[in-house]
Amino acid sequence: MDITKEVDARGLNCPLPILKAKKALADMKSGEVLKVVATDPGSVRDFQAFARQTGNELVEQSSANDEFVHYLRRR
């Protein structure tokens, strides 16, 4: 997967990871992929809801070492 942009949202709690992702996606072209790294466990369900509400595709989510990684494809 080609990552176009990465957002470091470590240490930030809801809704800041979503807001940072939204801002980053606004500057991206359709089909490009954004990687977001967060430490907030709530970000997993937050990004699922965000993808449903905005029409962006949540390509993948993973977690390791208390970090949650989200990949979003711009609609």
N, C-alpha and C. Protein backbone atom coordinates (compact mmCIF):
# COMPACT_ATOMS: atom_id res chain seq x y z
N MET A 1 0.86 -1.18 0.00
CA MET A 1 0.00 0.00 0.00
C MET A 1 0.90 1.25 0.00
N ASP A 2 0.64 2.14 -0.92
CA ASP A 2 1.41 3.39 -0.98
C ASP A 2 0.79 4.43 -0.05
N ILE A 3 1.56 4.87 0.92
CA ILE A 3 1.10 5.87 1.88
C ILE A 3 1.46 7.25 1.33
N THR A 4 0.46 8.09 1.17
CA THR A 4 0.70 9.44 0.65
C THR A 4 1.11 10.39 1.77
N LYS A 5 0.46 10.24 2.92
CA LYS A 5 0.70 11.17 4.02
C LYS A 5 0.54 10.41 5.33
N GLU A 6 1.28 10.83 6.36
CA GLU A 6 1.18 10.20 7.67
C GLU A 6 0.93 11.27 8.73
N VAL A 7 0.02 10.95 9.66
CA VAL A 7 -0.30 11.85 10.76
C VAL A 7 0.07 11.16 12.07
N ASP A 8 0.84 11.86 12.88
CA ASP A 8 1.21 11.35 14.21
C ASP A 8 0.25 11.95 15.23
N ALA A 9 -0.67 11.12 15.72
CA ALA A 9 -1.64 11.59 16.70
C ALA A 9 -1.39 10.94 18.06
N ARG A 10 -0.16 10.50 18.28
CA ARG A 10 0.19 9.89 19.57
C ARG A 10 0.00 10.90 20.69
N GLY A 11 -0.59 10.43 21.79
CA GLY A 11 -0.76 11.29 22.96
C GLY A 11 -1.99 12.19 22.88
N LEU A 12 -2.70 12.15 21.76
CA LEU A 12 -3.89 12.98 21.60
C LEU A 12 -5.14 12.15 21.85
N ASN A 13 -6.12 12.74 22.50
CA ASN A 13 -7.38 12.05 22.77
C ASN A 13 -8.48 12.62 21.87
N CYS A 14 -9.55 11.85 21.76
CA CYS A 14 -10.70 12.23 20.97
C CYS A 14 -11.13 13.66 21.32
N PRO A 15 -11.42 14.48 20.36
CA PRO A 15 -11.54 14.22 18.91
C PRO A 15 -10.31 14.63 18.11
N LEU A 16 -9.18 14.92 18.75
CA LEU A 16 -8.02 15.44 18.03
C LEU A 16 -7.47 14.53 16.93
N PRO A 17 -7.35 13.20 17.13
CA PRO A 17 -6.86 12.37 16.00
C PRO A 17 -7.76 12.48 14.76
N ILE A 18 -9.07 12.53 14.98
CA ILE A 18 -10.01 12.66 13.86
C ILE A 18 -9.85 14.03 13.19
N LEU A 19 -9.72 15.07 13.98
CA LEU A 19 -9.56 16.41 13.41
C LEU A 19 -8.28 16.53 12.59
N LYS A 20 -7.20 15.95 13.09
CA LYS A 20 -5.94 15.98 12.34
C LYS A 20 -6.07 15.19 11.04
N ALA A 21 -6.76 14.06 11.10
CA ALA A 21 -6.97 13.24 9.90
C ALA A 21 -7.83 13.99 8.88
N LYS A 22 -8.87 14.63 9.37
CA LYS A 22 -9.77 15.38 8.49
C LYS A 22 -9.01 16.49 7.76
N LYS A 23 -8.16 17.19 8.49
CA LYS A 23 -7.36 18.27 7.90
C LYS A 23 -6.40 17.71 6.85
N ALA A 24 -5.76 16.60 7.15
CA ALA A 24 -4.81 15.99 6.21
C ALA A 24 -5.53 15.50 4.95
N LEU A 25 -6.69 14.87 5.12
CA LEU A 25 -7.45 14.36 3.97
C LEU A 25 -7.90 15.48 3.05
N ALA A 26 -8.17 16.65 3.60
CA ALA A 26 -8.64 17.79 2.80
C ALA A 26 -7.59 18.22 1.77
N ASP A 27 -6.31 17.96 2.06
CA ASP A 27 -5.22 18.34 1.17
C ASP A 27 -4.80 17.22 0.22
N MET A 28 -5.53 16.09 0.26
CA MET A 28 -5.14 14.93 -0.53
C MET A 28 -6.08 14.74 -1.73
N LYS A 29 -5.58 14.01 -2.72
CA LYS A 29 -6.37 13.70 -3.91
C LYS A 29 -7.14 12.40 -3.70
N SER A 30 -8.20 12.23 -4.46
CA SER A 30 -9.01 11.01 -4.40
C SER A 30 -8.13 9.78 -4.65
N GLY A 31 -8.29 8.76 -3.80
CA GLY A 31 -7.55 7.51 -3.96
C GLY A 31 -6.25 7.46 -3.17
N GLU A 32 -5.77 8.60 -2.67
CA GLU A 32 -4.54 8.61 -1.90
C GLU A 32 -4.81 8.05 -0.49
N VAL A 33 -3.76 7.51 0.14
CA VAL A 33 -3.91 6.85 1.44
C VAL A 33 -3.23 7.64 2.55
N LEU A 34 -3.98 7.81 3.63
CA LEU A 34 -3.49 8.49 4.83
C LEU A 34 -3.27 7.46 5.93
N LYS A 35 -2.11 7.53 6.58
CA LYS A 35 -1.82 6.66 7.72
C LYS A 35 -1.88 7.53 8.97
N VAL A 36 -2.65 7.09 9.96
CA VAL A 36 -2.75 7.81 11.23
C VAL A 36 -2.30 6.89 12.35
N VAL A 37 -1.35 7.35 13.16
CA VAL A 37 -0.88 6.59 14.31
C VAL A 37 -1.38 7.29 15.57
N ALA A 38 -2.15 6.56 16.38
CA ALA A 38 -2.74 7.14 17.59
C ALA A 38 -2.49 6.23 18.79
N THR A 39 -2.60 6.80 19.98
CA THR A 39 -2.46 6.01 21.20
C THR A 39 -3.78 5.91 21.95
N ASP A 40 -4.80 6.61 21.49
CA ASP A 40 -6.12 6.59 22.13
C ASP A 40 -6.88 5.33 21.70
N PRO A 41 -7.18 4.41 22.64
CA PRO A 41 -7.90 3.18 22.27
C PRO A 41 -9.26 3.48 21.62
N GLY A 42 -9.87 4.60 21.97
CA GLY A 42 -11.15 4.97 21.38
C GLY A 42 -11.06 5.33 19.91
N SER A 43 -9.83 5.55 19.43
CA SER A 43 -9.66 5.94 18.03
C SER A 43 -10.10 4.82 17.07
N VAL A 44 -10.08 3.57 17.54
CA VAL A 44 -10.49 2.46 16.67
C VAL A 44 -11.94 2.65 16.23
N ARG A 45 -12.82 2.82 17.18
CA ARG A 45 -14.24 3.01 16.80
C ARG A 45 -14.49 4.40 16.22
N ASP A 46 -13.70 5.39 16.65
CA ASP A 46 -13.85 6.74 16.10
C ASP A 46 -13.57 6.77 14.60
N PHE A 47 -12.50 6.08 14.18
CA PHE A 47 -12.17 6.08 12.75
C PHE A 47 -13.15 5.25 11.94
N GLN A 48 -13.73 4.22 12.54
CA GLN A 48 -14.77 3.44 11.85
C GLN A 48 -15.98 4.34 11.57
N ALA A 49 -16.40 5.09 12.58
CA ALA A 49 -17.53 6.00 12.43
C ALA A 49 -17.20 7.13 11.46
N PHE A 50 -15.99 7.66 11.55
CA PHE A 50 -15.55 8.75 10.67
C PHE A 50 -15.61 8.31 9.20
N ALA A 51 -15.14 7.10 8.94
CA ALA A 51 -15.15 6.59 7.56
C ALA A 51 -16.58 6.45 7.05
N ARG A 52 -17.46 5.90 7.88
CA ARG A 52 -18.87 5.74 7.48
C ARG A 52 -19.51 7.10 7.18
N GLN A 53 -19.24 8.08 8.03
CA GLN A 53 -19.88 9.38 7.91
C GLN A 53 -19.34 10.21 6.74
N THR A 54 -18.06 10.03 6.39
CA THR A 54 -17.45 10.88 5.37
C THR A 54 -17.36 10.22 4.00
N GLY A 55 -17.53 8.90 3.95
CA GLY A 55 -17.41 8.21 2.67
C GLY A 55 -15.98 7.84 2.30
N ASN A 56 -15.02 8.18 3.16
CA ASN A 56 -13.65 7.74 2.94
C ASN A 56 -13.56 6.27 3.33
N GLU A 57 -12.68 5.52 2.67
CA GLU A 57 -12.57 4.09 2.94
C GLU A 57 -11.55 3.82 4.04
N LEU A 58 -11.99 3.10 5.07
CA LEU A 58 -11.08 2.65 6.11
C LEU A 58 -10.47 1.35 5.60
N VAL A 59 -9.26 1.44 5.08
CA VAL A 59 -8.63 0.31 4.41
C VAL A 59 -8.20 -0.75 5.41
N GLU A 60 -7.61 -0.30 6.53
CA GLU A 60 -7.06 -1.24 7.50
C GLU A 60 -6.89 -0.56 8.85
N GLN A 61 -6.98 -1.36 9.91
CA GLN A 61 -6.67 -0.90 11.27
C GLN A 61 -5.83 -1.99 11.93
N SER A 62 -4.83 -1.56 12.68
CA SER A 62 -4.03 -2.54 13.42
C SER A 62 -3.56 -1.90 14.72
N SER A 63 -3.11 -2.75 15.64
CA SER A 63 -2.60 -2.22 16.89
C SER A 63 -1.40 -3.03 17.34
N ALA A 64 -0.44 -2.34 17.95
CA ALA A 64 0.75 -2.98 18.50
C ALA A 64 1.41 -2.01 19.46
N ASN A 65 1.88 -2.51 20.58
CA ASN A 65 2.60 -1.69 21.56
C ASN A 65 1.83 -0.44 21.97
N ASP A 66 0.54 -0.61 22.27
CA ASP A 66 -0.32 0.50 22.71
C ASP A 66 -0.47 1.60 21.67
N GLU A 67 -0.21 1.27 20.41
CA GLU A 67 -0.44 2.22 19.32
C GLU A 67 -1.46 1.62 18.36
N PHE A 68 -2.28 2.50 17.81
CA PHE A 68 -3.34 2.08 16.89
C PHE A 68 -3.08 2.77 15.55
N VAL A 69 -3.02 1.97 14.50
CA VAL A 69 -2.69 2.50 13.18
C VAL A 69 -3.91 2.35 12.29
N HIS A 70 -4.27 3.46 11.63
CA HIS A 70 -5.46 3.51 10.79
C HIS A 70 -5.03 3.96 9.39
N TYR A 71 -5.55 3.28 8.38
CA TYR A 71 -5.26 3.65 6.99
C TYR A 71 -6.57 4.05 6.34
N LEU A 72 -6.63 5.26 5.83
CA LEU A 72 -7.84 5.79 5.19
C LEU A 72 -7.53 6.13 3.74
N ARG A 73 -8.41 5.69 2.83
CA ARG A 73 -8.27 6.08 1.42
C ARG A 73 -9.25 7.21 1.14
N ARG A 74 -8.72 8.30 0.61
CA ARG A 74 -9.53 9.48 0.32
C ARG A 74 -10.57 9.15 -0.75
N ARG A 75 -11.81 9.57 -0.50
CA ARG A 75 -12.87 9.29 -1.47
C ARG A 75 -12.75 10.17 -2.69
